[in-house]
C-alpha cells in the first residue's frame, strides 16, 4: 500500500455509498451480517482484524436495531464505509492473495477504529452497562 493508497484514501471510494446505506438500518444490518460471515469464514487469515472487527460489527448491529443511536452520523458513515471496504473482494490488495490479501483491510479497519475511538469507547461503556443491567435479577425476585 503506497502513500497514495492510505486507509483514508481507500475509504474515500466507499463514503458516498456508505452515506446512502447508513440511512437504512436494514442495509446496515445486512452489511454487518455479511461482514460477520466473512470474518468467521476467513478468521485464520485475518490476524488482528479478527480481534478488532467484532466491536464495529456489534456497534453497527446495535445501531441498526435501534438499541444504540448515540453514534454521530459522520462516525456511522465511516464505520459503514469500513465494513463496505472489508466486504469488497477486489480492493487495493485482493483478498484471495495469501498472507497479503487482508493487510489493506486491516489497515482500513484500524484507521476506522482510531478515527472513531471515542465513539467506540462510549458504545463499549453502554454495552457493558446494558449487559450488567440484564444480569441483575428482576425487581421483586
N, C-alpha and C. Protein backbone atom coordinates (compact mmCIF):
# COMPACT_ATOMS: atom_id res chain seq x y z
N UNK A 1 0.85 -1.16 0.00
CA UNK A 1 0.00 0.00 0.00
C UNK A 1 0.90 1.23 0.00
N UNK A 2 0.74 2.12 -0.95
CA UNK A 2 1.56 3.30 -1.06
C UNK A 2 0.93 4.46 -0.30
N UNK A 3 1.65 5.56 -0.22
CA UNK A 3 1.12 6.77 0.41
C UNK A 3 -0.19 7.20 -0.26
N UNK A 4 -0.24 7.02 -1.60
CA UNK A 4 -1.46 7.38 -2.31
C UNK A 4 -2.63 6.49 -1.92
N UNK A 5 -2.32 5.29 -1.45
CA UNK A 5 -3.35 4.35 -1.05
C UNK A 5 -3.48 4.27 0.46
N UNK A 6 -3.41 5.41 1.13
CA UNK A 6 -3.57 5.42 2.58
C UNK A 6 -4.97 4.94 2.92
N UNK A 7 -5.17 4.46 4.14
CA UNK A 7 -6.52 4.00 4.52
C UNK A 7 -7.60 5.06 4.28
N UNK A 8 -7.29 6.31 4.56
CA UNK A 8 -8.29 7.37 4.34
C UNK A 8 -8.64 7.48 2.86
N UNK A 9 -7.65 7.37 2.02
CA UNK A 9 -7.90 7.46 0.57
C UNK A 9 -8.68 6.23 0.09
N UNK A 10 -8.30 5.05 0.58
CA UNK A 10 -9.02 3.84 0.20
C UNK A 10 -10.49 3.93 0.60
N UNK A 11 -10.75 4.48 1.78
CA UNK A 11 -12.12 4.60 2.27
C UNK A 11 -12.92 5.65 1.50
N UNK A 12 -12.23 6.64 0.97
CA UNK A 12 -12.95 7.72 0.28
C UNK A 12 -13.81 7.18 -0.85
N UNK A 13 -13.40 6.09 -1.45
CA UNK A 13 -14.17 5.49 -2.55
C UNK A 13 -15.50 4.89 -2.07
N UNK A 14 -15.62 4.66 -0.77
CA UNK A 14 -16.81 3.99 -0.22
C UNK A 14 -17.71 4.95 0.56
N UNK A 15 -17.28 6.17 0.79
CA UNK A 15 -18.06 7.08 1.64
C UNK A 15 -19.42 7.45 1.06
N UNK A 16 -19.47 7.71 -0.23
CA UNK A 16 -20.75 8.11 -0.82
C UNK A 16 -21.77 6.97 -0.68
N UNK A 17 -21.35 5.76 -0.99
CA UNK A 17 -22.24 4.61 -0.84
C UNK A 17 -22.60 4.42 0.63
N UNK A 18 -21.63 4.60 1.51
CA UNK A 18 -21.87 4.44 2.95
C UNK A 18 -22.91 5.45 3.44
N UNK A 19 -22.88 6.66 2.91
CA UNK A 19 -23.88 7.66 3.30
C UNK A 19 -25.28 7.21 2.93
N UNK A 20 -25.41 6.61 1.75
CA UNK A 20 -26.73 6.10 1.33
C UNK A 20 -27.16 4.92 2.19
N UNK A 21 -26.24 3.97 2.39
CA UNK A 21 -26.56 2.75 3.14
C UNK A 21 -26.88 3.05 4.60
N UNK A 22 -26.17 4.00 5.19
CA UNK A 22 -26.35 4.30 6.62
C UNK A 22 -27.71 4.91 6.92
N UNK A 23 -28.40 5.39 5.92
CA UNK A 23 -29.74 5.94 6.13
C UNK A 23 -30.78 4.84 6.32
N UNK A 24 -30.40 3.61 6.02
CA UNK A 24 -31.35 2.49 6.06
C UNK A 24 -30.85 1.43 7.04
N UNK A 25 -31.43 1.39 8.24
CA UNK A 25 -30.98 0.41 9.24
C UNK A 25 -30.94 -1.03 8.73
N UNK A 26 -31.88 -1.41 7.90
CA UNK A 26 -31.88 -2.77 7.35
C UNK A 26 -30.64 -3.04 6.51
N UNK A 27 -30.19 -2.05 5.77
CA UNK A 27 -28.98 -2.20 4.96
C UNK A 27 -27.75 -2.30 5.86
N UNK A 28 -27.71 -1.50 6.91
CA UNK A 28 -26.58 -1.56 7.85
C UNK A 28 -26.55 -2.94 8.51
N UNK A 29 -27.70 -3.46 8.88
CA UNK A 29 -27.78 -4.80 9.46
C UNK A 29 -27.26 -5.85 8.49
N UNK A 30 -27.66 -5.74 7.23
CA UNK A 30 -27.21 -6.68 6.21
C UNK A 30 -25.70 -6.60 5.99
N UNK A 31 -25.17 -5.42 5.94
CA UNK A 31 -23.73 -5.22 5.77
C UNK A 31 -22.98 -5.84 6.94
N UNK A 32 -23.46 -5.59 8.16
CA UNK A 32 -22.82 -6.16 9.35
C UNK A 32 -22.91 -7.68 9.34
N UNK A 33 -24.04 -8.22 8.92
CA UNK A 33 -24.20 -9.67 8.86
C UNK A 33 -23.21 -10.29 7.86
N UNK A 34 -23.11 -9.68 6.68
CA UNK A 34 -22.18 -10.20 5.67
C UNK A 34 -20.73 -10.07 6.12
N UNK A 35 -20.40 -8.96 6.78
CA UNK A 35 -19.03 -8.78 7.29
C UNK A 35 -18.72 -9.79 8.39
N UNK A 36 -19.71 -10.09 9.23
CA UNK A 36 -19.53 -11.11 10.27
C UNK A 36 -19.31 -12.49 9.66
N UNK A 37 -20.04 -12.80 8.60
CA UNK A 37 -19.85 -14.09 7.92
C UNK A 37 -18.46 -14.17 7.30
N UNK A 38 -18.00 -13.09 6.70
CA UNK A 38 -16.65 -13.08 6.11
C UNK A 38 -15.60 -13.21 7.20
N UNK A 39 -15.82 -12.56 8.32
CA UNK A 39 -14.89 -12.67 9.46
C UNK A 39 -14.79 -14.12 9.93
N UNK A 40 -15.93 -14.79 10.07
CA UNK A 40 -15.91 -16.19 10.51
C UNK A 40 -15.26 -17.09 9.46
N UNK A 41 -15.54 -16.85 8.19
CA UNK A 41 -15.01 -17.68 7.12
C UNK A 41 -13.49 -17.58 6.98
N UNK A 42 -12.95 -16.40 7.21
CA UNK A 42 -11.52 -16.17 6.99
C UNK A 42 -10.77 -15.89 8.29
N UNK A 43 -11.33 -16.30 9.40
CA UNK A 43 -10.77 -16.00 10.73
C UNK A 43 -9.27 -16.28 10.82
N UNK A 44 -8.82 -17.40 10.29
CA UNK A 44 -7.41 -17.78 10.40
C UNK A 44 -6.49 -16.89 9.58
N UNK A 45 -7.02 -16.21 8.60
CA UNK A 45 -6.20 -15.38 7.72
C UNK A 45 -6.21 -13.91 8.10
N UNK A 46 -7.00 -13.53 9.09
CA UNK A 46 -7.26 -12.12 9.35
C UNK A 46 -6.35 -11.44 10.36
N UNK A 47 -5.52 -12.17 11.06
CA UNK A 47 -4.62 -11.54 12.02
C UNK A 47 -5.36 -10.67 13.01
N UNK A 48 -4.93 -9.42 13.17
CA UNK A 48 -5.54 -8.52 14.16
C UNK A 48 -6.97 -8.15 13.83
N UNK A 49 -7.36 -8.29 12.57
CA UNK A 49 -8.74 -7.98 12.20
C UNK A 49 -9.74 -8.81 12.98
N UNK A 50 -9.38 -10.06 13.26
CA UNK A 50 -10.33 -10.93 13.98
C UNK A 50 -10.57 -10.43 15.40
N UNK A 51 -9.66 -9.62 15.93
CA UNK A 51 -9.85 -9.04 17.26
C UNK A 51 -10.48 -7.66 17.20
N UNK A 52 -10.19 -6.91 16.13
CA UNK A 52 -10.64 -5.52 16.04
C UNK A 52 -12.04 -5.35 15.45
N UNK A 53 -12.39 -6.20 14.53
CA UNK A 53 -13.64 -6.04 13.79
C UNK A 53 -14.90 -6.31 14.62
N UNK A 54 -14.90 -7.27 15.55
CA UNK A 54 -16.16 -7.57 16.26
C UNK A 54 -16.83 -6.38 16.94
N UNK A 55 -16.08 -5.46 17.53
CA UNK A 55 -16.72 -4.32 18.19
C UNK A 55 -17.42 -3.43 17.17
N UNK A 56 -16.84 -3.29 15.99
CA UNK A 56 -17.51 -2.49 14.96
C UNK A 56 -18.78 -3.18 14.48
N UNK A 57 -18.74 -4.50 14.38
CA UNK A 57 -19.93 -5.25 13.98
C UNK A 57 -21.03 -5.12 15.04
N UNK A 58 -20.65 -5.23 16.31
CA UNK A 58 -21.65 -5.09 17.38
C UNK A 58 -22.26 -3.69 17.37
N UNK A 59 -21.42 -2.69 17.15
CA UNK A 59 -21.90 -1.31 17.11
C UNK A 59 -22.87 -1.11 15.93
N UNK A 60 -22.51 -1.61 14.77
CA UNK A 60 -23.38 -1.48 13.60
C UNK A 60 -24.71 -2.19 13.84
N UNK A 61 -24.66 -3.38 14.41
CA UNK A 61 -25.90 -4.13 14.67
C UNK A 61 -26.78 -3.42 15.70
N UNK A 62 -26.16 -2.91 16.77
CA UNK A 62 -26.93 -2.21 17.80
C UNK A 62 -27.58 -0.96 17.22
N UNK A 63 -26.86 -0.25 16.35
CA UNK A 63 -27.44 0.92 15.72
C UNK A 63 -28.60 0.51 14.81
N UNK A 64 -28.39 -0.53 14.02
CA UNK A 64 -29.42 -0.97 13.07
C UNK A 64 -30.69 -1.43 13.79
N UNK A 65 -30.53 -2.05 14.95
CA UNK A 65 -31.71 -2.49 15.73
C UNK A 65 -32.40 -1.32 16.41
N UNK A 66 -31.72 -0.19 16.51
CA UNK A 66 -32.29 0.96 17.22
C UNK A 66 -31.97 0.95 18.69
N UNK A 67 -31.13 0.01 19.14
CA UNK A 67 -30.77 -0.08 20.55
C UNK A 67 -29.79 1.01 20.95
N UNK A 68 -28.93 1.41 20.03
CA UNK A 68 -27.88 2.39 20.33
C UNK A 68 -27.81 3.38 19.17
N UNK A 69 -28.18 4.61 19.44
CA UNK A 69 -28.17 5.63 18.39
C UNK A 69 -27.30 6.82 18.77
N UNK A 70 -26.44 6.66 19.76
CA UNK A 70 -25.61 7.77 20.23
C UNK A 70 -24.38 8.03 19.37
N UNK A 71 -24.19 7.27 18.32
CA UNK A 71 -23.03 7.48 17.45
C UNK A 71 -23.32 8.63 16.48
N UNK A 72 -22.39 9.57 16.36
CA UNK A 72 -22.60 10.67 15.41
C UNK A 72 -22.67 10.15 13.97
N UNK A 73 -23.41 10.88 13.13
CA UNK A 73 -23.61 10.49 11.74
C UNK A 73 -22.28 10.27 11.02
N UNK A 74 -21.36 11.19 11.18
CA UNK A 74 -20.06 11.10 10.49
C UNK A 74 -19.34 9.80 10.88
N UNK A 75 -19.41 9.43 12.15
CA UNK A 75 -18.77 8.19 12.61
C UNK A 75 -19.48 6.97 12.06
N UNK A 76 -20.80 7.01 12.02
CA UNK A 76 -21.56 5.89 11.47
C UNK A 76 -21.21 5.69 9.99
N UNK A 77 -21.13 6.76 9.24
CA UNK A 77 -20.78 6.66 7.82
C UNK A 77 -19.38 6.07 7.66
N UNK A 78 -18.43 6.51 8.47
CA UNK A 78 -17.08 5.98 8.40
C UNK A 78 -17.06 4.49 8.75
N UNK A 79 -17.82 4.11 9.76
CA UNK A 79 -17.94 2.70 10.14
C UNK A 79 -18.51 1.87 8.99
N UNK A 80 -19.59 2.33 8.39
CA UNK A 80 -20.21 1.60 7.27
C UNK A 80 -19.24 1.55 6.09
N UNK A 81 -18.53 2.63 5.81
CA UNK A 81 -17.55 2.63 4.72
C UNK A 81 -16.45 1.59 4.98
N UNK A 82 -16.01 1.48 6.23
CA UNK A 82 -15.01 0.48 6.57
C UNK A 82 -15.51 -0.94 6.36
N UNK A 83 -16.75 -1.18 6.74
CA UNK A 83 -17.33 -2.51 6.53
C UNK A 83 -17.51 -2.81 5.04
N UNK A 84 -17.93 -1.81 4.29
CA UNK A 84 -18.06 -2.00 2.84
C UNK A 84 -16.70 -2.31 2.21
N UNK A 85 -15.67 -1.63 2.65
CA UNK A 85 -14.32 -1.91 2.15
C UNK A 85 -13.93 -3.35 2.47
N UNK A 86 -14.17 -3.75 3.73
CA UNK A 86 -13.84 -5.11 4.15
C UNK A 86 -14.56 -6.14 3.29
N UNK A 87 -15.79 -5.85 2.89
CA UNK A 87 -16.58 -6.78 2.09
C UNK A 87 -16.16 -6.83 0.62
N UNK A 88 -15.49 -5.79 0.15
CA UNK A 88 -15.11 -5.74 -1.27
C UNK A 88 -14.02 -6.77 -1.56
N UNK A 89 -14.30 -7.73 -2.44
CA UNK A 89 -13.31 -8.77 -2.72
C UNK A 89 -12.12 -8.27 -3.54
N UNK A 90 -12.32 -7.23 -4.33
CA UNK A 90 -11.24 -6.72 -5.18
C UNK A 90 -10.89 -5.30 -4.75
N UNK A 91 -10.36 -5.17 -3.54
CA UNK A 91 -9.96 -3.86 -3.06
C UNK A 91 -8.49 -3.63 -3.42
N UNK A 92 -7.77 -2.81 -2.68
CA UNK A 92 -6.39 -2.47 -3.03
C UNK A 92 -5.51 -3.70 -3.18
N UNK A 93 -5.68 -4.65 -2.27
CA UNK A 93 -4.97 -5.94 -2.37
C UNK A 93 -6.07 -7.01 -2.32
N UNK A 94 -6.34 -7.67 -3.44
CA UNK A 94 -7.43 -8.65 -3.46
C UNK A 94 -7.30 -9.69 -2.35
N UNK A 95 -8.43 -10.01 -1.71
CA UNK A 95 -8.44 -10.88 -0.53
C UNK A 95 -7.95 -12.29 -0.82
N UNK A 96 -8.01 -12.74 -2.06
CA UNK A 96 -7.61 -14.11 -2.35
C UNK A 96 -6.09 -14.30 -2.35
N UNK A 97 -5.32 -13.22 -2.28
CA UNK A 97 -3.86 -13.33 -2.27
C UNK A 97 -3.43 -13.79 -0.88
N UNK A 98 -2.79 -14.95 -0.76
CA UNK A 98 -2.39 -15.46 0.55
C UNK A 98 -1.52 -14.47 1.31
N UNK A 99 -1.72 -14.40 2.60
CA UNK A 99 -0.99 -13.58 3.56
C UNK A 99 -1.26 -12.08 3.35
N UNK A 100 -1.09 -11.56 2.15
CA UNK A 100 -1.22 -10.13 1.90
C UNK A 100 -2.64 -9.66 1.68
N UNK A 101 -3.54 -10.57 1.35
CA UNK A 101 -4.88 -10.21 0.93
C UNK A 101 -5.69 -9.38 1.90
N UNK A 102 -5.43 -9.54 3.18
CA UNK A 102 -6.23 -8.81 4.17
C UNK A 102 -5.45 -7.69 4.85
N UNK A 103 -4.22 -7.42 4.41
CA UNK A 103 -3.43 -6.35 5.04
C UNK A 103 -4.08 -4.98 4.84
N UNK A 104 -4.58 -4.71 3.65
CA UNK A 104 -5.22 -3.43 3.42
C UNK A 104 -6.52 -3.32 4.22
N UNK A 105 -7.25 -4.44 4.34
CA UNK A 105 -8.47 -4.45 5.14
C UNK A 105 -8.14 -4.12 6.60
N UNK A 106 -7.07 -4.73 7.11
CA UNK A 106 -6.65 -4.48 8.49
C UNK A 106 -6.28 -3.02 8.68
N UNK A 107 -5.58 -2.45 7.71
CA UNK A 107 -5.19 -1.04 7.80
C UNK A 107 -6.43 -0.13 7.81
N UNK A 108 -7.40 -0.45 6.98
CA UNK A 108 -8.62 0.36 6.91
C UNK A 108 -9.41 0.24 8.21
N UNK A 109 -9.57 -0.97 8.72
CA UNK A 109 -10.32 -1.15 9.97
C UNK A 109 -9.60 -0.48 11.13
N UNK A 110 -8.27 -0.58 11.18
CA UNK A 110 -7.50 0.11 12.23
C UNK A 110 -7.70 1.62 12.12
N UNK A 111 -7.71 2.14 10.91
CA UNK A 111 -7.95 3.57 10.69
C UNK A 111 -9.33 3.97 11.20
N UNK A 112 -10.35 3.18 10.86
CA UNK A 112 -11.71 3.48 11.32
C UNK A 112 -11.76 3.46 12.85
N UNK A 113 -11.16 2.44 13.45
CA UNK A 113 -11.17 2.36 14.92
C UNK A 113 -10.50 3.57 15.56
N UNK A 114 -9.38 4.01 14.99
CA UNK A 114 -8.69 5.19 15.53
C UNK A 114 -9.54 6.44 15.33
N UNK A 115 -10.13 6.57 14.16
CA UNK A 115 -10.90 7.77 13.84
C UNK A 115 -12.14 7.92 14.71
N UNK A 116 -12.75 6.81 15.10
CA UNK A 116 -13.99 6.89 15.90
C UNK A 116 -13.80 6.29 17.29
N UNK A 117 -12.56 6.28 17.77
CA UNK A 117 -12.27 5.61 19.04
C UNK A 117 -13.09 6.13 20.21
N UNK A 118 -13.37 7.42 20.26
CA UNK A 118 -14.19 7.97 21.35
C UNK A 118 -15.60 7.39 21.27
N UNK A 119 -16.14 7.30 20.07
CA UNK A 119 -17.49 6.75 19.88
C UNK A 119 -17.52 5.25 20.19
N UNK A 120 -16.45 4.54 19.83
CA UNK A 120 -16.37 3.10 20.12
C UNK A 120 -16.31 2.88 21.63
N UNK A 121 -15.49 3.70 22.32
CA UNK A 121 -15.42 3.58 23.79
C UNK A 121 -16.77 3.84 24.43
N UNK A 122 -17.46 4.88 23.97
CA UNK A 122 -18.79 5.19 24.52
C UNK A 122 -19.74 4.02 24.29
N UNK A 123 -19.68 3.42 23.11
CA UNK A 123 -20.52 2.25 22.82
C UNK A 123 -20.17 1.09 23.74
N UNK A 124 -18.88 0.82 23.93
CA UNK A 124 -18.47 -0.29 24.80
C UNK A 124 -18.93 -0.05 26.24
N UNK A 125 -18.90 1.20 26.70
CA UNK A 125 -19.41 1.51 28.04
C UNK A 125 -20.92 1.27 28.10
N UNK A 126 -21.64 1.72 27.08
CA UNK A 126 -23.08 1.48 27.02
C UNK A 126 -23.37 -0.02 27.01
N UNK A 127 -22.59 -0.74 26.22
CA UNK A 127 -22.77 -2.19 26.09
C UNK A 127 -22.53 -2.88 27.44
N UNK A 128 -21.49 -2.48 28.16
CA UNK A 128 -21.19 -3.07 29.46
C UNK A 128 -22.31 -2.76 30.45
N UNK A 129 -22.83 -1.55 30.42
CA UNK A 129 -23.94 -1.20 31.31
C UNK A 129 -25.19 -2.00 30.97
N UNK A 130 -25.46 -2.16 29.68
CA UNK A 130 -26.63 -2.94 29.26
C UNK A 130 -26.48 -4.39 29.68
N UNK A 131 -25.27 -4.95 29.53
CA UNK A 131 -25.02 -6.33 29.95
C UNK A 131 -25.19 -6.48 31.46
N UNK A 132 -24.70 -5.50 32.21
CA UNK A 132 -24.83 -5.55 33.67
C UNK A 132 -26.30 -5.45 34.08
N UNK A 133 -27.05 -4.61 33.40
CA UNK A 133 -28.48 -4.47 33.72
C UNK A 133 -29.24 -5.77 33.43
N UNK A 134 -28.87 -6.45 32.36
CA UNK A 134 -29.52 -7.73 32.03
C UNK A 134 -29.17 -8.81 33.05
N UNK A 135 -28.00 -8.70 33.65
CA UNK A 135 -27.56 -9.71 34.60
C UNK A 135 -28.22 -9.54 35.97
N UNK A 136 -28.79 -8.38 36.23
CA UNK A 136 -29.46 -8.14 37.52
C UNK A 136 -30.75 -8.96 37.60
N UNK A 137 -31.06 -9.46 38.78
CA UNK A 137 -32.34 -10.16 38.91
C UNK A 137 -33.50 -9.17 38.74
N UNK A 138 -34.61 -9.66 38.22
CA UNK A 138 -35.76 -8.76 38.03
C UNK A 138 -36.23 -8.22 39.38
N UNK A 139 -36.82 -7.03 39.38
CA UNK A 139 -37.33 -6.46 40.64
C UNK A 139 -38.32 -7.42 41.30
N UNK A 140 -38.18 -7.55 42.61
CA UNK A 140 -39.07 -8.41 43.38
C UNK A 140 -38.67 -9.87 43.35
N UNK A 141 -37.55 -10.21 42.73
CA UNK A 141 -37.13 -11.62 42.66
C UNK A 141 -36.35 -12.02 43.88
